[in-house]
Amino acid sequence: MNFNAKNLLLLLVFAALFTAGCTAQTSAGLSEKAVDAVVVAEERLIEITPHPTTPAPTAVPVTPLPTASIAPTPTLAPTPLPTPDYELTDVKNVEGYVGALSVNLRAGPGTQYKVIGEYECNTLLTILAKTEEWYQVELDGKTGFMLKEYIGVGAIPTPTPKPTAKATSRPKTTPKPTETPKPVAPDNSGAGSYSAEEVLLTAQLAYEESRRGDYDGYRAVANVILNRVNSGIFRSSIEGVIFQGNGAQFSPAEDEAELRSVKPSQTCIEAVQAVFAGNTVFDSDVYYFRAASKGTTWGSHNYIGTYGGNAYFS
């Protein structure tokens, strides 16, 4: 019992005693009442004494968990396109056509690139640019690359029928023995069915393409020109073959004025005359040549031989 409760009990006892004395009870009766008053006071004290209160539990502070921050998804930069490992030279949208039975259109200038189309002979196309061995062309709504040797430049040629040789009539008299002709100084005359101007133009090209080489080198270049004229695939004239596609077939022919100003050697002119007169070097299907330094393997072409610094292919 604490201090306040004891004081309260004493007050109640004194009050009870005072009440008992005022009523003039006997001493014995006073004592009994006094005792009863003390008992009543204790009961009241018990009733009014507060029970100890259990303190409310102290709230334990809760530390909030850290909020996980979601990192933003990084924006991927676009992968840059690879830089082409080749250079293109513009040829100003030259018209042309497929010059072989079936030619693949590839995504790049090389057989390692994907085939994006296949086209038959005489399919029209537009030549946009060129590399050393390939044309960049546009046809059928696609842009890709085809090997130069499978492309005809310009309009599709109309095959020129060859004249039928007339039968030689039997001489009525026995011919006299032919005298051996005296040597004649070489000149720039025509040969076979070709004019002096055609011989000269071919000699000018052969002189440049064979790098001012030798007799056999000049004959080889002239033979390729003659084979193309007779092929039915390329142009049907000497001038048409040499300048086909504004010089796209032969590098020296890209500048016509400069080519026509070349002065070929007399040896070169004689070599061209010999080929045009029938003294050829190759079979009729040899249409292509390139610098011998590039090797003797060239796509699907068949290597024939090397003359005057150039390797020739069918």
Protein backbone atom coordinates (compact mmCIF):
# COMPACT_ATOMS: atom_id res chain seq x y z
CA MET A 1 0.00 0.00 0.00
CA ASN A 2 1.44 3.34 -0.94
CA PHE A 3 1.52 6.58 1.10
CA ASN A 4 -1.76 8.05 -0.16
CA ALA A 5 -3.72 4.91 0.61
CA LYS A 6 -2.45 4.88 4.25
CA ASN A 7 -3.48 8.48 4.80
CA LEU A 8 -6.90 7.78 3.38
CA LEU A 9 -7.31 4.80 5.78
CA LEU A 10 -6.42 6.93 8.83
CA LEU A 11 -8.95 9.55 7.79
CA LEU A 12 -11.67 6.97 7.52
CA VAL A 13 -10.79 5.52 10.98
CA PHE A 14 -10.88 8.93 12.64
CA ALA A 15 -14.20 9.66 11.01
CA ALA A 16 -15.64 6.42 12.33
CA LEU A 17 -14.40 7.08 15.84
CA PHE A 18 -15.84 10.54 15.83
CA THR A 19 -19.18 9.25 14.75
CA ALA A 20 -19.18 6.62 17.45
CA GLY A 21 -18.38 9.14 20.22
CA CYS A 22 -21.18 11.43 19.17
CA THR A 23 -23.82 8.75 19.68
CA ALA A 24 -22.75 8.19 23.35
CA GLN A 25 -22.23 4.50 23.12
CA THR A 26 -20.66 2.53 25.90
CA SER A 27 -17.01 1.92 25.95
CA ALA A 28 -17.49 -1.62 24.99
CA GLY A 29 -19.93 -0.70 22.28
CA LEU A 30 -17.56 2.06 21.17
CA SER A 31 -14.81 -0.37 20.70
CA GLU A 32 -16.93 -2.69 18.61
CA LYS A 33 -18.14 0.12 16.41
CA ALA A 34 -14.67 1.44 16.13
CA VAL A 35 -13.52 -1.92 14.94
CA ASP A 36 -16.42 -2.15 12.50
CA ALA A 37 -15.57 1.29 11.22
CA VAL A 38 -11.98 0.25 10.60
CA VAL A 39 -13.16 -2.84 8.72
CA VAL A 40 -15.54 -0.78 6.61
CA ALA A 41 -12.75 1.71 5.93
CA GLU A 42 -10.40 -1.02 4.78
CA GLU A 43 -13.08 -2.48 2.49
CA ARG A 44 -13.71 0.92 1.00
CA LEU A 45 -10.01 1.45 0.67
CA ILE A 46 -9.74 -1.84 -1.16
CA GLU A 47 -12.57 -0.80 -3.47
CA ILE A 48 -11.05 2.59 -4.29
CA THR A 49 -7.45 1.46 -4.50
CA PRO A 50 -6.66 1.26 -8.14
CA HIS A 51 -5.20 -1.89 -9.45
CA PRO A 52 -1.81 -1.52 -10.96
CA THR A 53 -2.17 -0.82 -14.64
CA THR A 54 -0.09 -2.82 -17.05
CA PRO A 55 1.72 -0.30 -19.18
CA ALA A 56 0.92 -0.42 -22.85
CA PRO A 57 3.66 -2.08 -24.83
CA THR A 58 6.04 0.36 -26.39
CA ALA A 59 5.74 0.26 -30.13
CA VAL A 60 8.95 -0.96 -31.73
CA PRO A 61 9.84 1.31 -34.62
CA VAL A 62 9.75 -0.52 -37.93
CA THR A 63 12.50 0.39 -40.31
CA PRO A 64 11.02 0.45 -43.82
CA LEU A 65 12.76 -1.76 -46.34
CA PRO A 66 14.57 0.14 -49.02
CA THR A 67 12.59 0.44 -52.22
CA ALA A 68 14.38 -1.27 -55.07
CA SER A 69 14.90 1.19 -57.88
CA ILE A 70 14.29 -0.24 -61.34
CA ALA A 71 17.04 0.78 -63.69
CA PRO A 72 15.73 2.09 -67.02
CA THR A 73 16.16 -0.22 -69.98
CA PRO A 74 19.06 1.10 -72.03
CA THR A 75 18.21 2.13 -75.57
CA LEU A 76 20.26 0.10 -77.98
CA ALA A 77 22.02 2.15 -80.60
CA PRO A 78 21.42 0.94 -84.17
CA THR A 79 24.18 -1.29 -85.46
CA PRO A 80 26.08 0.65 -88.11
CA LEU A 81 26.07 -0.88 -91.58
CA PRO A 82 29.44 -2.27 -92.65
CA THR A 83 31.42 -0.08 -94.99
CA PRO A 84 31.56 -1.74 -98.44
CA ASP A 85 35.03 -3.07 -99.27
CA TYR A 86 34.74 -1.93 -102.88
CA GLU A 87 34.57 1.31 -104.85
CA LEU A 88 32.01 2.13 -107.51
CA THR A 89 32.49 4.32 -110.56
CA ASP A 90 29.37 5.99 -111.94
CA VAL A 91 28.57 5.22 -115.61
CA LYS A 92 25.54 7.54 -115.93
CA ASN A 93 22.67 5.02 -116.26
CA VAL A 94 23.73 3.20 -119.43
CA GLU A 95 21.14 0.89 -120.93
CA GLY A 96 22.11 -2.75 -121.35
CA TYR A 97 20.90 -6.34 -121.31
CA VAL A 98 21.76 -9.79 -119.98
CA GLY A 99 24.23 -11.28 -122.46
CA ALA A 100 24.33 -14.92 -121.30
CA LEU A 101 21.80 -17.74 -120.99
CA SER A 102 21.28 -17.20 -117.25
CA VAL A 103 22.99 -14.65 -114.99
CA ASN A 104 22.77 -14.26 -111.21
CA LEU A 105 22.05 -10.86 -109.67
CA ARG A 106 24.05 -10.58 -106.45
CA ALA A 107 23.87 -8.23 -103.46
CA GLY A 108 27.52 -7.22 -103.92
CA PRO A 109 30.35 -7.41 -106.47
CA GLY A 110 31.59 -10.90 -105.71
CA THR A 111 30.50 -14.53 -105.71
CA GLN A 112 30.53 -14.48 -101.89
CA TYR A 113 27.46 -12.20 -101.88
CA LYS A 114 23.88 -13.50 -101.75
CA VAL A 115 22.02 -14.20 -105.01
CA ILE A 116 18.95 -11.95 -105.12
CA GLY A 117 17.73 -12.83 -108.60
CA GLU A 118 18.39 -14.83 -111.76
CA TYR A 119 17.73 -13.47 -115.24
CA GLU A 120 17.68 -14.88 -118.75
CA CYS A 121 19.47 -13.72 -121.86
CA ASN A 122 18.35 -10.38 -123.37
CA THR A 123 16.63 -9.17 -120.18
CA LEU A 124 16.85 -5.37 -120.32
CA LEU A 125 18.60 -3.54 -117.48
CA THR A 126 20.20 -0.22 -116.55
CA ILE A 127 23.89 -0.02 -115.64
CA LEU A 128 24.33 2.36 -112.71
CA ALA A 129 28.02 1.95 -111.81
CA LYS A 130 30.95 -0.40 -112.18
CA THR A 131 33.88 -1.94 -110.37
CA GLU A 132 36.83 -3.61 -112.03
CA GLU A 133 34.92 -6.79 -112.91
CA TRP A 134 31.28 -6.09 -112.00
CA TYR A 135 28.45 -3.81 -113.03
CA GLN A 136 25.93 -2.42 -110.57
CA VAL A 137 22.62 -2.77 -112.41
CA GLU A 138 18.94 -2.12 -111.90
CA LEU A 139 16.27 -4.40 -113.32
CA ASP A 140 12.93 -5.79 -112.30
CA GLY A 141 12.77 -3.27 -109.43
CA LYS A 142 15.99 -4.62 -107.88
CA THR A 143 19.51 -3.20 -107.64
CA GLY A 144 22.46 -5.57 -107.55
CA PHE A 145 25.63 -6.68 -109.27
CA MET A 146 26.41 -8.80 -112.35
CA LEU A 147 29.74 -9.77 -113.88
CA LYS A 148 30.72 -7.45 -116.72
CA GLU A 149 31.35 -10.28 -119.16
CA TYR A 150 27.72 -11.38 -118.89
CA ILE A 151 26.33 -7.93 -119.67
CA GLY A 152 25.75 -6.45 -123.09
CA VAL A 153 25.93 -2.68 -123.18
CA GLY A 154 23.46 -0.70 -125.30
CA ALA A 155 20.56 -2.08 -127.31
CA ILE A 156 20.11 -5.80 -127.91
CA PRO A 157 21.89 -6.47 -131.22
CA THR A 158 20.08 -7.91 -134.18
CA PRO A 159 22.11 -10.82 -135.55
CA THR A 160 23.53 -9.97 -138.95
CA PRO A 161 23.17 -12.85 -141.40
CA LYS A 162 26.47 -13.82 -142.92
CA PRO A 163 26.55 -13.78 -146.69
CA THR A 164 26.53 -17.16 -148.35
CA ALA A 165 29.77 -17.77 -150.16
CA LYS A 166 29.33 -18.26 -153.87
CA ALA A 167 30.70 -21.38 -155.41
CA THR A 168 33.94 -20.78 -157.24
CA SER A 169 33.52 -21.49 -160.91
CA ARG A 170 35.98 -23.85 -162.46
CA PRO A 171 38.42 -21.94 -164.64
CA LYS A 172 38.13 -22.64 -168.31
CA THR A 173 41.83 -22.39 -168.88
CA THR A 174 44.74 -23.57 -166.87
CA PRO A 175 45.87 -20.64 -164.74
CA LYS A 176 49.41 -19.45 -165.01
CA PRO A 177 51.63 -19.97 -162.02
CA THR A 178 51.26 -17.13 -159.55
CA GLU A 179 54.37 -15.08 -159.29
CA THR A 180 55.77 -14.48 -155.83
CA PRO A 181 54.81 -10.90 -154.98
CA LYS A 182 57.58 -8.50 -154.28
CA PRO A 183 57.70 -7.14 -150.74
CA VAL A 184 55.54 -4.09 -150.38
CA ALA A 185 56.04 -1.51 -147.68
CA PRO A 186 53.34 -2.05 -145.02
CA ASP A 187 50.56 0.46 -144.98
CA ASN A 188 47.34 1.15 -143.11
CA SER A 189 45.07 -0.58 -145.61
CA GLY A 190 41.98 -2.61 -144.91
CA ALA A 191 41.98 -6.34 -144.41
CA GLY A 192 39.39 -8.97 -145.17
CA SER A 193 35.99 -7.24 -145.19
CA TYR A 194 37.11 -4.43 -142.89
CA SER A 195 38.09 -0.95 -143.92
CA ALA A 196 41.32 0.90 -143.29
CA GLU A 197 39.55 3.05 -140.69
CA GLU A 198 38.41 -0.08 -138.80
CA VAL A 199 41.93 -1.53 -138.92
CA LEU A 200 43.37 1.72 -137.58
CA LEU A 201 40.82 1.99 -134.74
CA THR A 202 41.45 -1.62 -133.70
CA ALA A 203 45.21 -1.04 -133.83
CA GLN A 204 44.85 2.05 -131.65
CA LEU A 205 42.96 0.03 -129.02
CA ALA A 206 45.36 -2.95 -129.26
CA TYR A 207 48.36 -0.63 -128.92
CA GLU A 208 46.95 0.77 -125.64
CA GLU A 209 45.51 -2.47 -124.22
CA SER A 210 48.68 -4.44 -124.92
CA ARG A 211 50.76 -1.66 -123.36
CA ARG A 212 52.78 -1.12 -126.52
CA GLY A 213 53.81 -4.76 -126.39
CA ASP A 214 54.64 -7.22 -129.16
CA TYR A 215 53.14 -8.64 -132.32
CA ASP A 216 51.33 -11.56 -130.62
CA GLY A 217 49.92 -9.27 -127.94
CA TYR A 218 48.42 -6.99 -130.62
CA ARG A 219 46.97 -9.97 -132.49
CA ALA A 220 45.34 -11.29 -129.32
CA VAL A 221 43.51 -8.01 -128.63
CA ALA A 222 42.41 -7.73 -132.28
CA ASN A 223 41.17 -11.34 -132.16
CA VAL A 224 38.91 -10.58 -129.15
CA ILE A 225 37.44 -7.57 -131.00
CA LEU A 226 36.80 -9.71 -134.10
CA ASN A 227 35.21 -12.52 -132.03
CA ARG A 228 32.83 -10.06 -130.35
CA VAL A 229 31.77 -8.60 -133.71
CA ASN A 230 30.94 -12.09 -134.99
CA SER A 231 29.32 -13.38 -131.76
CA GLY A 232 25.77 -12.04 -132.05
CA ILE A 233 26.02 -11.14 -128.33
CA PHE A 234 27.94 -7.87 -128.61
CA ARG A 235 27.69 -5.12 -131.22
CA SER A 236 28.07 -6.15 -134.85
CA SER A 237 30.66 -3.58 -135.92
CA ILE A 238 34.25 -2.77 -134.93
CA GLU A 239 33.35 0.70 -133.74
CA GLY A 240 30.23 -0.56 -131.94
CA VAL A 241 32.20 -3.20 -130.00
CA ILE A 242 35.05 -0.87 -129.02
CA PHE A 243 32.80 1.97 -127.81
CA GLN A 244 29.97 -0.20 -126.45
CA GLY A 245 28.56 1.38 -123.29
CA ASN A 246 30.58 4.58 -123.74
CA GLY A 247 33.82 2.69 -123.31
CA ALA A 248 32.62 0.52 -120.45
CA GLN A 249 34.17 -2.61 -122.03
CA PHE A 250 37.70 -1.32 -122.70
CA SER A 251 39.36 1.30 -120.51
CA PRO A 252 41.21 3.16 -123.33
CA ALA A 253 37.85 3.65 -125.09
CA GLU A 254 36.35 5.71 -122.25
CA ASP A 255 37.76 8.83 -123.95
CA GLU A 256 37.05 8.41 -127.67
CA ALA A 257 38.94 11.52 -128.74
CA GLU A 258 42.05 10.46 -126.86
CA LEU A 259 41.91 6.91 -128.26
CA ARG A 260 41.57 8.15 -131.85
CA SER A 261 44.65 10.33 -131.35
CA VAL A 262 46.88 7.30 -130.55
CA LYS A 263 49.53 6.51 -133.18
CA PRO A 264 50.02 2.73 -133.19
CA SER A 265 53.25 1.18 -134.41
CA GLN A 266 53.42 -0.37 -137.86
CA THR A 267 53.91 -3.75 -136.16
CA CYS A 268 50.58 -3.27 -134.39
CA ILE A 269 48.81 -2.37 -137.65
CA GLU A 270 50.25 -5.44 -139.38
CA ALA A 271 49.10 -7.66 -136.50
CA VAL A 272 45.54 -6.35 -136.82
CA GLN A 273 45.56 -6.80 -140.59
CA ALA A 274 46.72 -10.39 -140.17
CA VAL A 275 43.85 -11.21 -137.78
CA PHE A 276 41.23 -9.52 -139.99
CA ALA A 277 42.59 -11.46 -142.95
CA GLY A 278 42.00 -14.77 -141.13
CA ASN A 279 45.28 -15.34 -139.28
CA THR A 280 43.60 -15.56 -135.86
CA VAL A 281 45.02 -16.59 -132.51
CA PHE A 282 41.97 -17.93 -130.63
CA ASP A 283 38.79 -19.88 -131.21
CA SER A 284 35.66 -17.83 -131.81
CA ASP A 285 34.44 -17.98 -128.16
CA VAL A 286 37.33 -16.04 -126.60
CA TYR A 287 35.73 -12.70 -125.64
CA TYR A 288 37.56 -11.54 -122.51
CA PHE A 289 40.97 -10.53 -121.23
CA ARG A 290 42.48 -8.71 -118.28
CA ALA A 291 45.93 -7.87 -116.89
CA ALA A 292 47.99 -11.03 -116.39
CA SER A 293 49.06 -9.72 -112.97
CA LYS A 294 45.55 -10.56 -111.71
CA GLY A 295 46.11 -14.28 -112.26
CA THR A 296 44.72 -16.97 -114.52
CA THR A 297 41.60 -17.75 -112.46
CA TRP A 298 38.56 -15.60 -113.21
CA GLY A 299 35.13 -16.77 -112.04
CA SER A 300 33.69 -19.40 -114.37
CA HIS A 301 35.86 -18.40 -117.34
CA ASN A 302 38.30 -20.79 -118.96
CA TYR A 303 41.87 -19.56 -119.12
CA ILE A 304 43.28 -19.72 -122.68
CA GLY A 305 46.70 -18.12 -122.53
CA THR A 306 48.73 -14.99 -121.82
CA TYR A 307 49.83 -12.60 -124.58
CA GLY A 308 51.33 -9.14 -124.37
CA GLY A 309 50.80 -8.83 -120.62
CA ASN A 310 47.11 -9.88 -120.73
CA ALA A 311 45.47 -13.17 -119.73
CA TYR A 312 42.73 -14.33 -122.13
CA PHE A 313 39.56 -16.27 -121.28
CA SER A 314 36.61 -17.88 -123.03
